[in-house]
PDB file of all heavy atoms in Angstrom:
ATOM      1  N   ALA A   1      10.380 -19.443   3.378  1.00  0.00           N
ATOM      2  CA  ALA A   1      10.912 -19.157   2.096  1.00  0.00           C
ATOM      3  C   ALA A   1      12.186 -19.925   1.833  1.00  0.00           C
ATOM      4  O   ALA A   1      12.423 -20.494   0.733  1.00  0.00           O
ATOM      5  CB  ALA A   1      11.196 -17.684   1.907  1.00  0.00           C
ATOM      6  N   GLY A   2      13.040 -20.045   2.835  1.00  0.00           N
ATOM      7  CA  GLY A   2      14.275 -20.818   2.717  1.00  0.00           C
ATOM      8  C   GLY A   2      13.962 -22.282   2.489  1.00  0.00           C
ATOM      9  O   GLY A   2      14.619 -22.982   1.657  1.00  0.00           O
ATOM     10  N   ARG A   3      12.952 -22.820   3.175  1.00  0.00           N
ATOM     11  CA  ARG A   3      12.571 -24.221   2.983  1.00  0.00           C
ATOM     12  C   ARG A   3      12.068 -24.480   1.574  1.00  0.00           C
ATOM     13  O   ARG A   3      12.459 -25.483   0.930  1.00  0.00           O
ATOM     14  CB  ARG A   3      11.485 -24.617   3.977  1.00  0.00           C
ATOM     15  CG  ARG A   3      11.040 -26.067   3.893  1.00  0.00           C
ATOM     16  CD  ARG A   3       9.965 -26.382   4.831  1.00  0.00           C
ATOM     17  NE  ARG A   3       8.810 -25.581   4.609  1.00  0.00           N
ATOM     18  CZ  ARG A   3       7.709 -25.589   5.398  1.00  0.00           C
ATOM     19  NH1 ARG A   3       7.712 -26.343   6.515  1.00  0.00           N
ATOM     20  NH2 ARG A   3       6.680 -24.838   5.121  1.00  0.00           N
ATOM     21  N   GLN A   4      11.284 -23.537   1.051  1.00  0.00           N
ATOM     22  CA  GLN A   4      10.787 -23.725  -0.342  1.00  0.00           C
ATOM     23  C   GLN A   4      11.907 -23.681  -1.333  1.00  0.00           C
ATOM     24  O   GLN A   4      11.890 -24.419  -2.316  1.00  0.00           O
ATOM     25  CB  GLN A   4       9.771 -22.586  -0.646  1.00  0.00           C
ATOM     26  CG  GLN A   4       8.423 -22.754   0.146  1.00  0.00           C
ATOM     27  CD  GLN A   4       7.548 -21.519  -0.019  1.00  0.00           C
ATOM     28  OE1 GLN A   4       7.997 -20.501  -0.500  1.00  0.00           O
ATOM     29  NE2 GLN A   4       6.314 -21.659   0.371  1.00  0.00           N
ATOM     30  N   THR A   5      12.881 -22.816  -1.064  1.00  0.00           N
ATOM     31  CA  THR A   5      14.061 -22.708  -1.988  1.00  0.00           C
ATOM     32  C   THR A   5      14.847 -24.038  -1.931  1.00  0.00           C
ATOM     33  O   THR A   5      15.251 -24.545  -3.022  1.00  0.00           O
ATOM     34  CB  THR A   5      14.963 -21.503  -1.618  1.00  0.00           C
ATOM     35  OG1 THR A   5      14.161 -20.348  -1.659  1.00  0.00           O
ATOM     36  CG2 THR A   5      16.129 -21.453  -2.529  1.00  0.00           C
ATOM     37  N   VAL A   6      15.068 -24.599  -0.765  1.00  0.00           N
ATOM     38  CA  VAL A   6      15.797 -25.869  -0.644  1.00  0.00           C
ATOM     39  C   VAL A   6      15.074 -26.964  -1.341  1.00  0.00           C
ATOM     40  O   VAL A   6      15.628 -27.759  -2.090  1.00  0.00           O
ATOM     41  CB  VAL A   6      15.975 -26.197   0.881  1.00  0.00           C
ATOM     42  CG1 VAL A   6      16.544 -27.620   1.031  1.00  0.00           C
ATOM     43  CG2 VAL A   6      16.959 -25.215   1.508  1.00  0.00           C
ATOM     44  N   GLU A   7      13.705 -27.024  -1.127  1.00  0.00           N
ATOM     45  CA  GLU A   7      12.921 -28.106  -1.763  1.00  0.00           C
ATOM     46  C   GLU A   7      12.955 -27.958  -3.312  1.00  0.00           C
ATOM     47  O   GLU A   7      13.096 -29.001  -4.012  1.00  0.00           O
ATOM     48  CB  GLU A   7      11.495 -28.059  -1.258  1.00  0.00           C
ATOM     49  CG  GLU A   7      11.348 -28.426   0.213  1.00  0.00           C
ATOM     50  CD  GLU A   7       9.923 -28.234   0.744  1.00  0.00           C
ATOM     51  OE1 GLU A   7       9.136 -27.581   0.016  1.00  0.00           O
ATOM     52  OE2 GLU A   7       9.617 -28.716   1.891  1.00  0.00           O
ATOM     53  N   GLN A   8      12.865 -26.769  -3.764  1.00  0.00           N
ATOM     54  CA  GLN A   8      12.895 -26.554  -5.203  1.00  0.00           C
ATOM     55  C   GLN A   8      14.266 -26.902  -5.770  1.00  0.00           C
ATOM     56  O   GLN A   8      14.374 -27.447  -6.886  1.00  0.00           O
ATOM     57  CB  GLN A   8      12.556 -25.105  -5.542  1.00  0.00           C
ATOM     58  CG  GLN A   8      12.363 -24.780  -7.005  1.00  0.00           C
ATOM     59  CD  GLN A   8      11.925 -23.331  -7.257  1.00  0.00           C
ATOM     60  OE1 GLN A   8      11.815 -22.529  -6.354  1.00  0.00           O
ATOM     61  NE2 GLN A   8      11.714 -22.995  -8.560  1.00  0.00           N
ATOM     62  N   ALA A   9      15.313 -26.567  -5.063  1.00  0.00           N
ATOM     63  CA  ALA A   9      16.641 -26.881  -5.541  1.00  0.00           C
ATOM     64  C   ALA A   9      16.880 -28.416  -5.565  1.00  0.00           C
ATOM     65  O   ALA A   9      17.566 -28.913  -6.438  1.00  0.00           O
ATOM     66  CB  ALA A   9      17.702 -26.217  -4.634  1.00  0.00           C
ATOM     67  N   GLN A  10      16.347 -29.131  -4.571  1.00  0.00           N
ATOM     68  CA  GLN A  10      16.506 -30.557  -4.513  1.00  0.00           C
ATOM     69  C   GLN A  10      15.805 -31.296  -5.628  1.00  0.00           C
ATOM     70  O   GLN A  10      16.183 -32.381  -6.015  1.00  0.00           O
ATOM     71  CB  GLN A  10      16.067 -31.085  -3.182  1.00  0.00           C
ATOM     72  CG  GLN A  10      17.004 -30.744  -1.996  1.00  0.00           C
ATOM     73  CD  GLN A  10      16.434 -31.167  -0.688  1.00  0.00           C
ATOM     74  OE1 GLN A  10      15.243 -31.268  -0.508  1.00  0.00           O
ATOM     75  NE2 GLN A  10      17.375 -31.431   0.265  1.00  0.00           N
ATOM     76  N   GLU A  11      14.812 -30.664  -6.194  1.00  0.00           N
ATOM     77  CA  GLU A  11      14.028 -31.267  -7.274  1.00  0.00           C
ATOM     78  C   GLU A  11      14.836 -31.314  -8.575  1.00  0.00           C
ATOM     79  O   GLU A  11      14.611 -32.114  -9.458  1.00  0.00           O
ATOM     80  CB  GLU A  11      12.725 -30.602  -7.519  1.00  0.00           C
ATOM     81  CG  GLU A  11      11.727 -30.694  -6.409  1.00  0.00           C
ATOM     82  CD  GLU A  11      10.475 -29.838  -6.591  1.00  0.00           C
ATOM     83  OE1 GLU A  11      10.444 -29.104  -7.600  1.00  0.00           O
ATOM     84  OE2 GLU A  11       9.608 -29.880  -5.744  1.00  0.00           O
ATOM     85  N   ALA A  12      15.813 -30.374  -8.724  1.00  0.00           N
ATOM     86  CA  ALA A  12      16.704 -30.343  -9.836  1.00  0.00           C
ATOM     87  C   ALA A  12      16.032 -30.135 -11.184  1.00  0.00           C
ATOM     88  O   ALA A  12      16.524 -30.475 -12.268  1.00  0.00           O
ATOM     89  CB  ALA A  12      17.592 -31.594  -9.925  1.00  0.00           C
ATOM     90  N   ALA A  13      14.791 -29.589 -11.137  1.00  0.00           N
ATOM     91  CA  ALA A  13      14.030 -29.360 -12.370  1.00  0.00           C
ATOM     92  C   ALA A  13      14.207 -27.971 -12.859  1.00  0.00           C
ATOM     93  O   ALA A  13      13.953 -27.700 -14.067  1.00  0.00           O
ATOM     94  CB  ALA A  13      12.524 -29.628 -12.105  1.00  0.00           C
ATOM     95  N   ALA A  14      14.658 -27.081 -12.045  1.00  0.00           N
ATOM     96  CA  ALA A  14      14.792 -25.682 -12.433  1.00  0.00           C
ATOM     97  C   ALA A  14      16.301 -25.321 -12.567  1.00  0.00           C
ATOM     98  O   ALA A  14      17.171 -25.917 -11.871  1.00  0.00           O
ATOM     99  CB  ALA A  14      14.166 -24.739 -11.447  1.00  0.00           C
ATOM    100  N   SER A  15      16.583 -24.309 -13.390  1.00  0.00           N
ATOM    101  CA  SER A  15      17.978 -23.862 -13.535  1.00  0.00           C
ATOM    102  C   SER A  15      18.320 -22.969 -12.359  1.00  0.00           C
ATOM    103  O   SER A  15      17.481 -22.494 -11.597  1.00  0.00           O
ATOM    104  CB  SER A  15      18.104 -23.050 -14.836  1.00  0.00           C
ATOM    105  OG  SER A  15      17.357 -21.855 -14.731  1.00  0.00           O
ATOM    106  N   ALA A  16      19.651 -22.709 -12.230  1.00  0.00           N
ATOM    107  CA  ALA A  16      20.113 -21.877 -11.131  1.00  0.00           C
ATOM    108  C   ALA A  16      19.535 -20.482 -11.210  1.00  0.00           C
ATOM    109  O   ALA A  16      19.191 -19.871 -10.206  1.00  0.00           O
ATOM    110  CB  ALA A  16      21.625 -21.785 -11.172  1.00  0.00           C
ATOM    111  N   SER A  17      19.417 -20.009 -12.494  1.00  0.00           N
ATOM    112  CA  SER A  17      18.811 -18.636 -12.681  1.00  0.00           C
ATOM    113  C   SER A  17      17.343 -18.613 -12.224  1.00  0.00           C
ATOM    114  O   SER A  17      16.927 -17.625 -11.561  1.00  0.00           O
ATOM    115  CB  SER A  17      18.894 -18.265 -14.203  1.00  0.00           C
ATOM    116  OG  SER A  17      18.310 -17.072 -14.438  1.00  0.00           O
ATOM    117  N   ASP A  18      16.610 -19.689 -12.529  1.00  0.00           N
ATOM    118  CA  ASP A  18      15.215 -19.718 -12.099  1.00  0.00           C
ATOM    119  C   ASP A  18      15.083 -19.796 -10.559  1.00  0.00           C
ATOM    120  O   ASP A  18      14.250 -19.164  -9.969  1.00  0.00           O
ATOM    121  CB  ASP A  18      14.497 -20.961 -12.698  1.00  0.00           C
ATOM    122  CG  ASP A  18      14.314 -20.804 -14.189  1.00  0.00           C
ATOM    123  OD1 ASP A  18      14.321 -19.683 -14.668  1.00  0.00           O
ATOM    124  OD2 ASP A  18      14.155 -21.852 -14.844  1.00  0.00           O
ATOM    125  N   LEU A  19      16.030 -20.576  -9.943  1.00  0.00           N
ATOM    126  CA  LEU A  19      15.988 -20.664  -8.472  1.00  0.00           C
ATOM    127  C   LEU A  19      16.289 -19.338  -7.819  1.00  0.00           C
ATOM    128  O   LEU A  19      15.659 -18.903  -6.876  1.00  0.00           O
ATOM    129  CB  LEU A  19      17.081 -21.681  -8.053  1.00  0.00           C
ATOM    130  CG  LEU A  19      16.737 -23.166  -8.345  1.00  0.00           C
ATOM    131  CD1 LEU A  19      17.932 -24.024  -8.058  1.00  0.00           C
ATOM    132  CD2 LEU A  19      15.543 -23.625  -7.493  1.00  0.00           C
ATOM    133  N   ILE A  20      17.281 -18.591  -8.389  1.00  0.00           N
ATOM    134  CA  ILE A  20      17.614 -17.299  -7.849  1.00  0.00           C
ATOM    135  C   ILE A  20      16.419 -16.350  -8.017  1.00  0.00           C
ATOM    136  O   ILE A  20      16.138 -15.574  -7.051  1.00  0.00           O
ATOM    137  CB  ILE A  20      18.905 -16.728  -8.546  1.00  0.00           C
ATOM    138  CG1 ILE A  20      20.103 -17.607  -8.194  1.00  0.00           C
ATOM    139  CG2 ILE A  20      19.118 -15.291  -8.193  1.00  0.00           C
ATOM    140  CD1 ILE A  20      21.328 -17.268  -8.996  1.00  0.00           C
ATOM    141  N   ASP A  21      15.812 -16.310  -9.165  1.00  0.00           N
ATOM    142  CA  ASP A  21      14.670 -15.426  -9.387  1.00  0.00           C
ATOM    143  C   ASP A  21      13.544 -15.765  -8.408  1.00  0.00           C
ATOM    144  O   ASP A  21      12.880 -14.821  -7.868  1.00  0.00           O
ATOM    145  CB  ASP A  21      14.167 -15.597 -10.854  1.00  0.00           C
ATOM    146  CG  ASP A  21      15.078 -14.945 -11.847  1.00  0.00           C
ATOM    147  OD1 ASP A  21      15.912 -14.067 -11.443  1.00  0.00           O
ATOM    148  OD2 ASP A  21      15.035 -15.317 -12.984  1.00  0.00           O
ATOM    149  N   ALA A  22      13.240 -17.017  -8.229  1.00  0.00           N
ATOM    150  CA  ALA A  22      12.180 -17.469  -7.288  1.00  0.00           C
ATOM    151  C   ALA A  22      12.517 -17.054  -5.856  1.00  0.00           C
ATOM    152  O   ALA A  22      11.622 -16.610  -5.098  1.00  0.00           O
ATOM    153  CB  ALA A  22      11.952 -18.944  -7.404  1.00  0.00           C
ATOM    154  N   ALA A  23      13.783 -17.335  -5.427  1.00  0.00           N
ATOM    155  CA  ALA A  23      14.155 -16.937  -4.112  1.00  0.00           C
ATOM    156  C   ALA A  23      14.095 -15.431  -3.864  1.00  0.00           C
ATOM    157  O   ALA A  23      13.612 -14.994  -2.865  1.00  0.00           O
ATOM    158  CB  ALA A  23      15.608 -17.452  -3.811  1.00  0.00           C
ATOM    159  N   GLU A  24      14.533 -14.669  -4.854  1.00  0.00           N
ATOM    160  CA  GLU A  24      14.476 -13.214  -4.746  1.00  0.00           C
ATOM    161  C   GLU A  24      13.046 -12.732  -4.686  1.00  0.00           C
ATOM    162  O   GLU A  24      12.743 -11.789  -3.979  1.00  0.00           O
ATOM    163  CB  GLU A  24      15.200 -12.598  -5.951  1.00  0.00           C
ATOM    164  CG  GLU A  24      15.413 -11.076  -5.812  1.00  0.00           C
ATOM    165  CD  GLU A  24      16.271 -10.534  -6.929  1.00  0.00           C
ATOM    166  OE1 GLU A  24      16.046 -10.938  -8.074  1.00  0.00           O
ATOM    167  OE2 GLU A  24      17.154  -9.699  -6.649  1.00  0.00           O
ATOM    168  N   GLN A  25      12.153 -13.349  -5.459  1.00  0.00           N
ATOM    169  CA  GLN A  25      10.752 -12.987  -5.426  1.00  0.00           C
ATOM    170  C   GLN A  25      10.148 -13.249  -4.029  1.00  0.00           C
ATOM    171  O   GLN A  25       9.351 -12.410  -3.551  1.00  0.00           O
ATOM    172  CB  GLN A  25      10.013 -13.811  -6.472  1.00  0.00           C
ATOM    173  CG  GLN A  25       8.489 -13.525  -6.519  1.00  0.00           C
ATOM    174  CD  GLN A  25       8.164 -12.085  -6.964  1.00  0.00           C
ATOM    175  OE1 GLN A  25       8.958 -11.472  -7.606  1.00  0.00           O
ATOM    176  NE2 GLN A  25       7.015 -11.641  -6.577  1.00  0.00           N
ATOM    177  N   ARG A  26      10.491 -14.349  -3.427  1.00  0.00           N
ATOM    178  CA  ARG A  26       9.958 -14.656  -2.088  1.00  0.00           C
ATOM    179  C   ARG A  26      10.428 -13.644  -1.062  1.00  0.00           C
ATOM    180  O   ARG A  26       9.631 -13.156  -0.220  1.00  0.00           O
ATOM    181  CB  ARG A  26      10.384 -16.060  -1.665  1.00  0.00           C
ATOM    182  CG  ARG A  26       9.776 -17.200  -2.513  1.00  0.00           C
ATOM    183  CD  ARG A  26      10.114 -18.546  -1.903  1.00  0.00           C
ATOM    184  NE  ARG A  26       9.688 -19.600  -2.829  1.00  0.00           N
ATOM    185  CZ  ARG A  26      10.534 -20.328  -3.582  1.00  0.00           C
ATOM    186  NH1 ARG A  26      11.845 -20.096  -3.504  1.00  0.00           N
ATOM    187  NH2 ARG A  26      10.046 -21.252  -4.368  1.00  0.00           N
ATOM    188  N   ILE A  27      11.703 -13.254  -1.128  1.00  0.00           N
ATOM    189  CA  ILE A  27      12.205 -12.248  -0.224  1.00  0.00           C
ATOM    190  C   ILE A  27      11.570 -10.955  -0.454  1.00  0.00           C
ATOM    191  O   ILE A  27      11.254 -10.160   0.479  1.00  0.00           O
ATOM    192  CB  ILE A  27      13.767 -12.134  -0.370  1.00  0.00           C
ATOM    193  CG1 ILE A  27      14.432 -13.512  -0.079  1.00  0.00           C
ATOM    194  CG2 ILE A  27      14.315 -11.082   0.577  1.00  0.00           C
ATOM    195  CD1 ILE A  27      14.208 -14.030   1.335  1.00  0.00           C
ATOM    196  N   PHE A  28      11.359 -10.583  -1.708  1.00  0.00           N
ATOM    197  CA  PHE A  28      10.728  -9.310  -2.030  1.00  0.00           C
ATOM    198  C   PHE A  28       9.299  -9.223  -1.458  1.00  0.00           C
ATOM    199  O   PHE A  28       8.889  -8.237  -0.908  1.00  0.00           O
ATOM    200  CB  PHE A  28      10.666  -9.148  -3.571  1.00  0.00           C
ATOM    201  CG  PHE A  28       9.884  -7.971  -4.032  1.00  0.00           C
ATOM    202  CD1 PHE A  28      10.432  -6.669  -3.917  1.00  0.00           C
ATOM    203  CD2 PHE A  28       8.622  -8.101  -4.585  1.00  0.00           C
ATOM    204  CE1 PHE A  28       9.703  -5.583  -4.351  1.00  0.00           C
ATOM    205  CE2 PHE A  28       7.947  -7.020  -5.041  1.00  0.00           C
ATOM    206  CZ  PHE A  28       8.442  -5.732  -4.881  1.00  0.00           C
ATOM    207  N   GLU A  29       8.589 -10.358  -1.577  1.00  0.00           N
ATOM    208  CA  GLU A  29       7.215 -10.391  -1.065  1.00  0.00           C
ATOM    209  C   GLU A  29       7.173 -10.202   0.445  1.00  0.00           C
ATOM    210  O   GLU A  29       6.329  -9.577   1.004  1.00  0.00           O
ATOM    211  CB  GLU A  29       6.505 -11.675  -1.462  1.00  0.00           C
ATOM    212  CG  GLU A  29       6.156 -11.724  -2.958  1.00  0.00           C
ATOM    213  CD  GLU A  29       5.722 -13.091  -3.410  1.00  0.00           C
ATOM    214  OE1 GLU A  29       5.744 -14.062  -2.604  1.00  0.00           O
ATOM    215  OE2 GLU A  29       5.317 -13.252  -4.604  1.00  0.00           O
ATOM    216  N   ILE A  30       8.130 -10.806   1.137  1.00  0.00           N
ATOM    217  CA  ILE A  30       8.262 -10.657   2.568  1.00  0.00           C
ATOM    218  C   ILE A  30       8.602  -9.177   2.937  1.00  0.00           C
ATOM    219  O   ILE A  30       7.993  -8.591   3.825  1.00  0.00           O
ATOM    220  CB  ILE A  30       9.330 -11.584   3.173  1.00  0.00           C
ATOM    221  CG1 ILE A  30       8.905 -13.071   2.964  1.00  0.00           C
ATOM    222  CG2 ILE A  30       9.571 -11.288   4.629  1.00  0.00           C
ATOM    223  CD1 ILE A  30       9.954 -14.080   3.322  1.00  0.00           C
ATOM    224  N   ARG A  31       9.530  -8.637   2.187  1.00  0.00           N
ATOM    225  CA  ARG A  31       9.934  -7.223   2.443  1.00  0.00           C
ATOM    226  C   ARG A  31       8.758  -6.269   2.195  1.00  0.00           C
ATOM    227  O   ARG A  31       8.592  -5.268   2.902  1.00  0.00           O
ATOM    228  CB  ARG A  31      11.075  -6.841   1.504  1.00  0.00           C
ATOM    229  CG  ARG A  31      11.593  -5.388   1.786  1.00  0.00           C
ATOM    230  CD  ARG A  31      12.758  -5.092   0.856  1.00  0.00           C
ATOM    231  NE  ARG A  31      13.912  -5.879   1.203  1.00  0.00           N
ATOM    232  CZ  ARG A  31      14.817  -5.515   2.154  1.00  0.00           C
ATOM    233  NH1 ARG A  31      14.618  -4.457   2.865  1.00  0.00           N
ATOM    234  NH2 ARG A  31      15.819  -6.277   2.389  1.00  0.00           N
ATOM    235  N   GLN A  32       7.882  -6.534   1.236  1.00  0.00           N
ATOM    236  CA  GLN A  32       6.742  -5.715   0.903  1.00  0.00           C
ATOM    237  C   GLN A  32       5.599  -5.985   1.880  1.00  0.00           C
ATOM    238  O   GLN A  32       4.567  -5.341   1.790  1.00  0.00           O
ATOM    239  CB  GLN A  32       6.300  -5.931  -0.527  1.00  0.00           C
ATOM    240  CG  GLN A  32       7.297  -5.520  -1.569  1.00  0.00           C
ATOM    241  CD  GLN A  32       7.529  -4.033  -1.541  1.00  0.00           C
ATOM    242  OE1 GLN A  32       8.616  -3.547  -1.074  1.00  0.00           O
ATOM    243  NE2 GLN A  32       6.569  -3.259  -1.945  1.00  0.00           N
ATOM    244  N   GLY A  33       5.762  -6.966   2.769  1.00  0.00           N
ATOM    245  CA  GLY A  33       4.682  -7.289   3.681  1.00  0.00           C
ATOM    246  C   GLY A  33       3.519  -8.000   3.071  1.00  0.00           C
ATOM    247  O   GLY A  33       2.396  -7.920   3.527  1.00  0.00           O
ATOM    248  N   LYS A  34       3.821  -8.740   1.993  1.00  0.00           N
ATOM    249  CA  LYS A  34       2.728  -9.491   1.302  1.00  0.00           C
ATOM    250  C   LYS A  34       2.736 -10.948   1.673  1.00  0.00           C
ATOM    251  O   LYS A  34       3.782 -11.516   2.001  1.00  0.00           O
ATOM    252  CB  LYS A  34       2.876  -9.383  -0.193  1.00  0.00           C
ATOM    253  CG  LYS A  34       2.794  -7.905  -0.739  1.00  0.00           C
ATOM    254  CD  LYS A  34       2.995  -7.893  -2.218  1.00  0.00           C
ATOM    255  CE  LYS A  34       2.875  -6.493  -2.740  1.00  0.00           C
ATOM    256  NZ  LYS A  34       3.169  -6.384  -4.211  1.00  0.00           N
ATOM    257  N   ASP A  35       1.553 -11.547   1.663  1.00  0.00           N
ATOM    258  CA  ASP A  35       1.487 -12.974   1.877  1.00  0.00           C
ATOM    259  C   ASP A  35       0.502 -13.510   0.780  1.00  0.00           C
ATOM    260  O   ASP A  35      -0.706 -13.371   0.903  1.00  0.00           O
ATOM    261  CB  ASP A  35       0.930 -13.292   3.261  1.00  0.00           C
ATOM    262  CG  ASP A  35       1.030 -14.761   3.549  1.00  0.00           C
ATOM    263  OD1 ASP A  35       1.092 -15.566   2.646  1.00  0.00           O
ATOM    264  OD2 ASP A  35       1.013 -15.137   4.741  1.00  0.00           O
ATOM    265  N   VAL A  36       1.043 -14.102  -0.285  1.00  0.00           N
ATOM    266  CA  VAL A  36       0.242 -14.541  -1.401  1.00  0.00           C
ATOM    267  C   VAL A  36      -0.601 -15.774  -1.039  1.00  0.00           C
ATOM    268  O   VAL A  36      -1.431 -16.131  -1.822  1.00  0.00           O
ATOM    269  CB  VAL A  36       1.107 -14.805  -2.621  1.00  0.00           C
ATOM    270  CG1 VAL A  36       1.801 -13.569  -3.058  1.00  0.00           C
ATOM    271  CG2 VAL A  36       2.152 -15.936  -2.308  1.00  0.00           C
ATOM    272  N   ALA A  37      -0.335 -16.367   0.118  1.00  0.00           N
ATOM    273  CA  ALA A  37      -1.070 -17.634   0.476  1.00  0.00           C
ATOM    274  C   ALA A  37      -2.417 -17.355   1.104  1.00  0.00           C
ATOM    275  O   ALA A  37      -3.150 -18.253   1.355  1.00  0.00           O
ATOM    276  CB  ALA A  37      -0.207 -18.486   1.375  1.00  0.00           C
ATOM    277  N   ASN A  38      -2.739 -16.090   1.447  1.00  0.00           N
ATOM    278  CA  ASN A  38      -3.937 -15.795   2.180  1.00  0.00           C
ATOM    279  C   ASN A  38      -4.920 -14.980   1.368  1.00  0.00           C
ATOM    280  O   ASN A  38      -4.524 -14.113   0.604  1.00  0.00           O
ATOM    281  CB  ASN A  38      -3.626 -15.063   3.488  1.00  0.00           C
ATOM    282  CG  ASN A  38      -2.836 -15.957   4.454  1.00  0.00           C
ATOM    283  OD1 ASN A  38      -3.438 -16.790   5.155  1.00  0.00           O
ATOM    284  ND2 ASN A  38      -1.542 -15.831   4.499  1.00  0.00           N
ATOM    285  N   LEU A  39      -6.227 -15.272   1.595  1.00  0.00           N
ATOM    286  CA  LEU A  39      -7.284 -14.478   0.972  1.00  0.00           C
ATOM    287  C   LEU A  39      -7.661 -13.320   1.931  1.00  0.00           C
ATOM    288  O   LEU A  39      -7.495 -13.433   3.114  1.00  0.00           O
ATOM    289  CB  LEU A  39      -8.509 -15.373   0.730  1.00  0.00           C
ATOM    290  CG  LEU A  39      -8.326 -16.598  -0.156  1.00  0.00           C
ATOM    291  CD1 LEU A  39      -9.564 -17.418  -0.199  1.00  0.00           C
ATOM    292  CD2 LEU A  39      -7.903 -16.143  -1.599  1.00  0.00           C
ATOM    293  N   THR A  40      -8.161 -12.243   1.323  1.00  0.00           N
ATOM    294  CA  THR A  40      -8.477 -11.089   2.085  1.00  0.00           C
ATOM    295  C   THR A  40     -10.041 -10.906   2.151  1.00  0.00           C
ATOM    296  O   THR A  40     -10.666 -10.860   1.122  1.00  0.00           O
ATOM    297  CB  THR A  40      -7.941  -9.783   1.458  1.00  0.00           C
ATOM    298  OG1 THR A  40      -6.447  -9.959   1.335  1.00  0.00           O
ATOM    299  CG2 THR A  40      -8.202  -8.563   2.338  1.00  0.00           C
ATOM    300  N   PRO A  41     -10.627 -10.877   3.336  1.00  0.00           N
ATOM    301  CA  PRO A  41     -12.063 -10.726   3.435  1.00  0.00           C
ATOM    302  C   PRO A  41     -12.503  -9.360   2.851  1.00  0.00           C
ATOM    303  O   PRO A  41     -11.780  -8.370   3.064  1.00  0.00           O
ATOM    304  CB  PRO A  41     -12.336 -10.795   4.942  1.00  0.00           C
ATOM    305  CG  PRO A  41     -11.057 -11.298   5.567  1.00  0.00           C
ATOM    306  CD  PRO A  41      -9.970 -10.970   4.650  1.00  0.00           C
ATOM    307  N   ILE A  42     -13.656  -9.333   2.257  1.00  0.00           N
ATOM    308  CA  ILE A  42     -14.139  -8.066   1.651  1.00  0.00           C
ATOM    309  C   ILE A  42     -14.323  -7.000   2.719  1.00  0.00           C
ATOM    310  O   ILE A  42     -14.142  -5.811   2.436  1.00  0.00           O
ATOM    311  CB  ILE A  42     -15.407  -8.330   0.808  1.00  0.00           C
ATOM    312  CG1 ILE A  42     -15.708  -7.025   0.000  1.00  0.00           C
ATOM    313  CG2 ILE A  42     -16.576  -8.726   1.659  1.00  0.00           C
ATOM    314  CD1 ILE A  42     -16.833  -7.224  -0.992  1.00  0.00           C
ATOM    315  N   LYS A  43     -14.716  -7.426   3.875  1.00  0.00           N
ATOM    316  CA  LYS A  43     -14.984  -6.401   4.958  1.00  0.00           C
ATOM    317  C   LYS A  43     -13.680  -5.651   5.277  1.00  0.00           C
ATOM    318  O   LYS A  43     -13.702  -4.481   5.545  1.00  0.00           O
ATOM    319  CB  LYS A  43     -15.520  -7.117   6.227  1.00  0.00           C
ATOM    320  CG  LYS A  43     -14.624  -8.167   6.805  1.00  0.00           C
ATOM    321  CD  LYS A  43     -15.230  -8.742   8.070  1.00  0.00           C
ATOM    322  CE  LYS A  43     -16.411  -9.669   7.788  1.00  0.00           C
ATOM    323  NZ  LYS A  43     -16.044 -10.945   7.131  1.00  0.00           N
ATOM    324  N   GLN A  44     -12.563  -6.331   5.186  1.00  0.00           N
ATOM    325  CA  GLN A  44     -11.277  -5.720   5.440  1.00  0.00           C
ATOM    326  C   GLN A  44     -10.916  -4.703   4.345  1.00  0.00           C
ATOM    327  O   GLN A  44     -10.384  -3.594   4.606  1.00  0.00           O
ATOM    328  CB  GLN A  44     -10.163  -6.802   5.550  1.00  0.00           C
ATOM    329  CG  GLN A  44      -8.815  -6.250   5.884  1.00  0.00           C
ATOM    330  CD  GLN A  44      -7.840  -7.412   6.065  1.00  0.00           C
ATOM    331  OE1 GLN A  44      -8.141  -8.409   6.704  1.00  0.00           O
ATOM    332  NE2 GLN A  44      -6.616  -7.248   5.514  1.00  0.00           N
ATOM    333  N   ILE A  45     -11.235  -5.100   3.101  1.00  0.00           N
ATOM    334  CA  ILE A  45     -10.967  -4.221   1.929  1.00  0.00           C
ATOM    335  C   ILE A  45     -11.863  -3.009   2.012  1.00  0.00           C
ATOM    336  O   ILE A  45     -11.438  -1.881   1.738  1.00  0.00           O
ATOM    337  CB  ILE A  45     -11.157  -4.987   0.609  1.00  0.00           C
ATOM    338  CG1 ILE A  45     -10.245  -6.199   0.559  1.00  0.00           C
ATOM    339  CG2 ILE A  45     -10.901  -4.053  -0.580  1.00  0.00           C
ATOM    340  CD1 ILE A  45     -10.541  -7.143  -0.556  1.00  0.00           C
ATOM    341  N   ILE A  46     -13.136  -3.213   2.374  1.00  0.00           N
ATOM    342  CA  ILE A  46     -14.063  -2.050   2.475  1.00  0.00           C
ATOM    343  C   ILE A  46     -13.648  -1.050   3.541  1.00  0.00           C
ATOM    344  O   ILE A  46     -13.636   0.132   3.318  1.00  0.00           O
ATOM    345  CB  ILE A  46     -15.484  -2.608   2.754  1.00  0.00           C
ATOM    346  CG1 ILE A  46     -16.053  -3.327   1.583  1.00  0.00           C
ATOM    347  CG2 ILE A  46     -16.394  -1.475   3.204  1.00  0.00           C
ATOM    348  CD1 ILE A  46     -17.388  -4.010   1.838  1.00  0.00           C
ATOM    349  N   THR A  47     -13.128  -1.575   4.680  1.00  0.00           N
ATOM    350  CA  THR A  47     -12.667  -0.697   5.739  1.00  0.00           C
ATOM    351  C   THR A  47     -11.513   0.166   5.208  1.00  0.00           C
ATOM    352  O   THR A  47     -11.463   1.377   5.446  1.00  0.00           O
ATOM    353  CB  THR A  47     -12.197  -1.507   6.972  1.00  0.00           C
ATOM    354  OG1 THR A  47     -13.310  -2.260   7.450  1.00  0.00           O
ATOM    355  CG2 THR A  47     -11.683  -0.561   8.070  1.00  0.00           C
TER     356      THR A  47
END
């Protein structure tokens, strides 16, 4: 998450407010135990 924030900041395309919101969102997802990058098999959902 820190690496993504650094890369996004270096691009200079987003405002400071957008960067803060994005960084806070990444930390929130980690705190909630979520990983948006992975798909969930249906067998796991059925269980």
